[in-house]
Amino acid sequence: MGTIMCFSTNGSENPTKAVLPFLNANGAVEAGHEPTITLFGDAVVLMKESVANAVVGVGWPPLKDLMATTIANKTPIYV
């Protein structure tokens, strides 16, 4: 088991890239690792509920669903 840091600077202006740290972290938990997420720059707006509810990346689940899984997994999110 390893520790993985997933970080992003992409916010609502690029929804497809904005969901990637949450996808990575959720996949890492499924693989038995201990991820953390770090958001900085434009990515910090993703923590606002109204923004998270509106972000849907192309070909990915909505951010609100990914965040729900991330929170259920108790993955730390640093902003």
N, C-alpha and C. Protein backbone atom coordinates (compact mmCIF):
# COMPACT_ATOMS: atom_id res chain seq x y z
N MET A 1 0.84 -1.17 0.00
CA MET A 1 0.00 0.00 0.00
C MET A 1 0.89 1.24 0.00
N GLY A 2 0.52 2.20 -0.83
CA GLY A 2 1.30 3.42 -0.92
C GLY A 2 0.48 4.65 -0.60
N THR A 3 1.18 5.75 -0.39
CA THR A 3 0.53 7.03 -0.18
C THR A 3 0.66 7.84 -1.47
N ILE A 4 -0.46 8.39 -1.93
CA ILE A 4 -0.48 9.10 -3.20
C ILE A 4 -1.07 10.48 -2.98
N MET A 5 -0.44 11.52 -3.55
CA MET A 5 -1.01 12.86 -3.50
C MET A 5 -1.51 13.21 -4.89
N CYS A 6 -2.78 13.54 -4.98
CA CYS A 6 -3.39 13.97 -6.24
C CYS A 6 -3.61 15.48 -6.12
N PHE A 7 -3.07 16.25 -7.06
CA PHE A 7 -3.22 17.70 -6.96
C PHE A 7 -3.72 18.28 -8.26
N SER A 8 -4.34 19.45 -8.15
CA SER A 8 -4.88 20.09 -9.35
C SER A 8 -4.93 21.60 -9.18
N THR A 9 -4.79 22.28 -10.31
CA THR A 9 -5.00 23.73 -10.37
C THR A 9 -6.19 24.05 -11.26
N ASN A 10 -6.86 23.02 -11.77
CA ASN A 10 -7.98 23.22 -12.70
C ASN A 10 -9.30 23.32 -11.95
N GLY A 11 -10.04 24.38 -12.27
CA GLY A 11 -11.33 24.59 -11.63
C GLY A 11 -12.47 24.42 -12.61
N SER A 12 -13.54 25.13 -12.37
CA SER A 12 -14.75 24.99 -13.17
C SER A 12 -14.56 25.42 -14.63
N GLU A 13 -13.52 26.18 -14.91
CA GLU A 13 -13.27 26.61 -16.29
C GLU A 13 -12.82 25.45 -17.17
N ASN A 14 -12.36 24.36 -16.58
CA ASN A 14 -11.95 23.17 -17.32
C ASN A 14 -12.47 21.93 -16.58
N PRO A 15 -13.77 21.65 -16.71
CA PRO A 15 -14.38 20.59 -15.90
C PRO A 15 -13.79 19.20 -16.14
N THR A 16 -13.34 18.93 -17.33
CA THR A 16 -12.79 17.59 -17.60
C THR A 16 -11.52 17.36 -16.80
N LYS A 17 -10.66 18.35 -16.72
CA LYS A 17 -9.44 18.21 -15.92
C LYS A 17 -9.73 18.39 -14.42
N ALA A 18 -10.76 19.14 -14.08
CA ALA A 18 -11.07 19.41 -12.68
C ALA A 18 -11.45 18.14 -11.92
N VAL A 19 -12.07 17.17 -12.58
CA VAL A 19 -12.49 15.95 -11.90
C VAL A 19 -11.36 14.94 -11.71
N LEU A 20 -10.24 15.13 -12.40
CA LEU A 20 -9.17 14.13 -12.38
C LEU A 20 -8.60 13.80 -11.00
N PRO A 21 -8.33 14.76 -10.11
CA PRO A 21 -7.79 14.35 -8.82
C PRO A 21 -8.77 13.49 -8.02
N PHE A 22 -10.06 13.73 -8.19
CA PHE A 22 -11.06 12.94 -7.48
C PHE A 22 -11.16 11.54 -8.08
N LEU A 23 -11.09 11.45 -9.40
CA LEU A 23 -11.05 10.13 -10.06
C LEU A 23 -9.83 9.34 -9.62
N ASN A 24 -8.67 10.00 -9.62
CA ASN A 24 -7.43 9.34 -9.23
C ASN A 24 -7.48 8.86 -7.79
N ALA A 25 -7.96 9.72 -6.90
CA ALA A 25 -8.01 9.36 -5.48
C ALA A 25 -8.98 8.21 -5.25
N ASN A 26 -10.13 8.25 -5.89
CA ASN A 26 -11.10 7.17 -5.71
C ASN A 26 -10.56 5.85 -6.24
N GLY A 27 -9.87 5.90 -7.37
CA GLY A 27 -9.26 4.70 -7.91
C GLY A 27 -8.14 4.17 -7.03
N ALA A 28 -7.39 5.09 -6.43
CA ALA A 28 -6.30 4.68 -5.54
C ALA A 28 -6.84 3.97 -4.31
N VAL A 29 -7.95 4.44 -3.77
CA VAL A 29 -8.56 3.78 -2.61
C VAL A 29 -9.00 2.37 -3.00
N GLU A 30 -9.61 2.23 -4.17
CA GLU A 30 -10.05 0.91 -4.64
C GLU A 30 -8.87 -0.04 -4.81
N ALA A 31 -7.70 0.51 -5.14
CA ALA A 31 -6.50 -0.32 -5.32
C ALA A 31 -5.76 -0.57 -4.01
N GLY A 32 -6.29 -0.03 -2.90
CA GLY A 32 -5.68 -0.28 -1.60
C GLY A 32 -4.66 0.74 -1.14
N HIS A 33 -4.63 1.91 -1.80
CA HIS A 33 -3.68 2.95 -1.43
C HIS A 33 -4.34 4.00 -0.54
N GLU A 34 -3.53 4.91 -0.01
CA GLU A 34 -4.03 6.00 0.84
C GLU A 34 -3.75 7.33 0.14
N PRO A 35 -4.72 7.84 -0.62
CA PRO A 35 -4.50 9.10 -1.33
C PRO A 35 -4.87 10.32 -0.51
N THR A 36 -4.35 11.46 -0.92
CA THR A 36 -4.80 12.76 -0.44
C THR A 36 -5.00 13.62 -1.68
N ILE A 37 -5.85 14.63 -1.55
CA ILE A 37 -6.10 15.56 -2.66
C ILE A 37 -5.68 16.95 -2.20
N THR A 38 -4.94 17.65 -3.06
CA THR A 38 -4.55 19.03 -2.80
C THR A 38 -5.06 19.89 -3.96
N LEU A 39 -5.86 20.89 -3.63
CA LEU A 39 -6.39 21.81 -4.63
C LEU A 39 -5.80 23.19 -4.37
N PHE A 40 -5.31 23.83 -5.42
CA PHE A 40 -4.80 25.19 -5.27
C PHE A 40 -5.06 25.97 -6.54
N GLY A 41 -4.89 27.28 -6.46
CA GLY A 41 -5.18 28.13 -7.62
C GLY A 41 -6.67 28.10 -7.94
N ASP A 42 -6.97 27.96 -9.22
CA ASP A 42 -8.36 27.96 -9.68
C ASP A 42 -9.18 26.78 -9.14
N ALA A 43 -8.52 25.74 -8.70
CA ALA A 43 -9.22 24.53 -8.25
C ALA A 43 -9.95 24.70 -6.92
N VAL A 44 -9.60 25.72 -6.15
CA VAL A 44 -10.23 25.86 -4.83
C VAL A 44 -11.73 26.12 -4.93
N VAL A 45 -12.20 26.68 -6.03
CA VAL A 45 -13.64 26.95 -6.17
C VAL A 45 -14.46 25.67 -6.23
N LEU A 46 -13.81 24.54 -6.51
CA LEU A 46 -14.52 23.27 -6.59
C LEU A 46 -15.12 22.86 -5.26
N MET A 47 -14.62 23.42 -4.17
CA MET A 47 -15.12 23.06 -2.85
C MET A 47 -16.42 23.79 -2.51
N LYS A 48 -16.83 24.74 -3.32
CA LYS A 48 -18.12 25.39 -3.11
C LYS A 48 -19.20 24.44 -3.65
N GLU A 49 -20.20 24.20 -2.85
CA GLU A 49 -21.24 23.24 -3.24
C GLU A 49 -21.91 23.61 -4.56
N SER A 50 -22.19 24.88 -4.78
CA SER A 50 -22.85 25.30 -6.02
C SER A 50 -21.98 25.02 -7.25
N VAL A 51 -20.67 25.17 -7.10
CA VAL A 51 -19.75 24.89 -8.21
C VAL A 51 -19.63 23.39 -8.42
N ALA A 52 -19.43 22.64 -7.34
CA ALA A 52 -19.28 21.18 -7.45
C ALA A 52 -20.51 20.55 -8.09
N ASN A 53 -21.68 21.08 -7.80
CA ASN A 53 -22.91 20.53 -8.37
C ASN A 53 -23.03 20.80 -9.87
N ALA A 54 -22.32 21.81 -10.36
CA ALA A 54 -22.42 22.20 -11.77
C ALA A 54 -21.32 21.61 -12.66
N VAL A 55 -20.25 21.07 -12.06
CA VAL A 55 -19.11 20.60 -12.84
C VAL A 55 -19.32 19.16 -13.30
N VAL A 56 -19.30 18.99 -14.64
CA VAL A 56 -19.41 17.66 -15.24
C VAL A 56 -18.37 17.58 -16.35
N GLY A 57 -17.35 16.77 -16.14
CA GLY A 57 -16.31 16.59 -17.15
C GLY A 57 -16.80 15.72 -18.30
N VAL A 58 -16.24 15.92 -19.47
CA VAL A 58 -16.63 15.14 -20.64
C VAL A 58 -16.21 13.69 -20.44
N GLY A 59 -17.17 12.80 -20.46
CA GLY A 59 -16.90 11.37 -20.33
C GLY A 59 -16.72 10.87 -18.91
N TRP A 60 -16.93 11.74 -17.91
CA TRP A 60 -16.75 11.36 -16.51
C TRP A 60 -18.04 11.60 -15.73
N PRO A 61 -18.18 10.96 -14.58
CA PRO A 61 -19.34 11.24 -13.73
C PRO A 61 -19.29 12.69 -13.23
N PRO A 62 -20.44 13.22 -12.82
CA PRO A 62 -20.45 14.58 -12.26
C PRO A 62 -19.55 14.68 -11.02
N LEU A 63 -18.96 15.85 -10.83
CA LEU A 63 -18.06 16.05 -9.71
C LEU A 63 -18.75 15.80 -8.38
N LYS A 64 -20.03 16.17 -8.25
CA LYS A 64 -20.73 15.96 -6.98
C LYS A 64 -20.77 14.48 -6.61
N ASP A 65 -20.89 13.59 -7.60
CA ASP A 65 -20.88 12.14 -7.33
C ASP A 65 -19.48 11.67 -6.94
N LEU A 66 -18.48 12.17 -7.65
CA LEU A 66 -17.09 11.80 -7.34
C LEU A 66 -16.71 12.28 -5.94
N MET A 67 -17.13 13.50 -5.60
CA MET A 67 -16.83 14.04 -4.27
C MET A 67 -17.52 13.23 -3.17
N ALA A 68 -18.73 12.79 -3.45
CA ALA A 68 -19.45 11.98 -2.45
C ALA A 68 -18.67 10.70 -2.16
N THR A 69 -18.12 10.08 -3.18
CA THR A 69 -17.31 8.88 -3.00
C THR A 69 -16.02 9.21 -2.25
N THR A 70 -15.38 10.32 -2.62
CA THR A 70 -14.15 10.75 -1.97
C THR A 70 -14.39 10.98 -0.47
N ILE A 71 -15.48 11.63 -0.15
CA ILE A 71 -15.81 11.91 1.25
C ILE A 71 -16.15 10.61 1.99
N ALA A 72 -16.88 9.72 1.33
CA ALA A 72 -17.21 8.43 1.95
C ALA A 72 -15.95 7.60 2.22
N ASN A 73 -14.95 7.77 1.35
CA ASN A 73 -13.67 7.07 1.53
C ASN A 73 -12.79 7.73 2.59
N LYS A 74 -13.23 8.86 3.11
CA LYS A 74 -12.48 9.64 4.11
C LYS A 74 -11.10 10.07 3.59
N THR A 75 -11.06 10.40 2.30
CA THR A 75 -9.83 10.90 1.69
C THR A 75 -9.65 12.37 2.07
N PRO A 76 -8.50 12.74 2.65
CA PRO A 76 -8.27 14.14 3.00
C PRO A 76 -8.20 15.03 1.76
N ILE A 77 -8.83 16.21 1.85
CA ILE A 77 -8.79 17.21 0.79
C ILE A 77 -8.21 18.48 1.38
N TYR A 78 -7.09 18.92 0.84
CA TYR A 78 -6.42 20.13 1.30
C TYR A 78 -6.64 21.25 0.28
N VAL A 79 -7.02 22.41 0.77
CA VAL A 79 -7.29 23.55 -0.10
C VAL A 79 -6.37 24.69 0.29
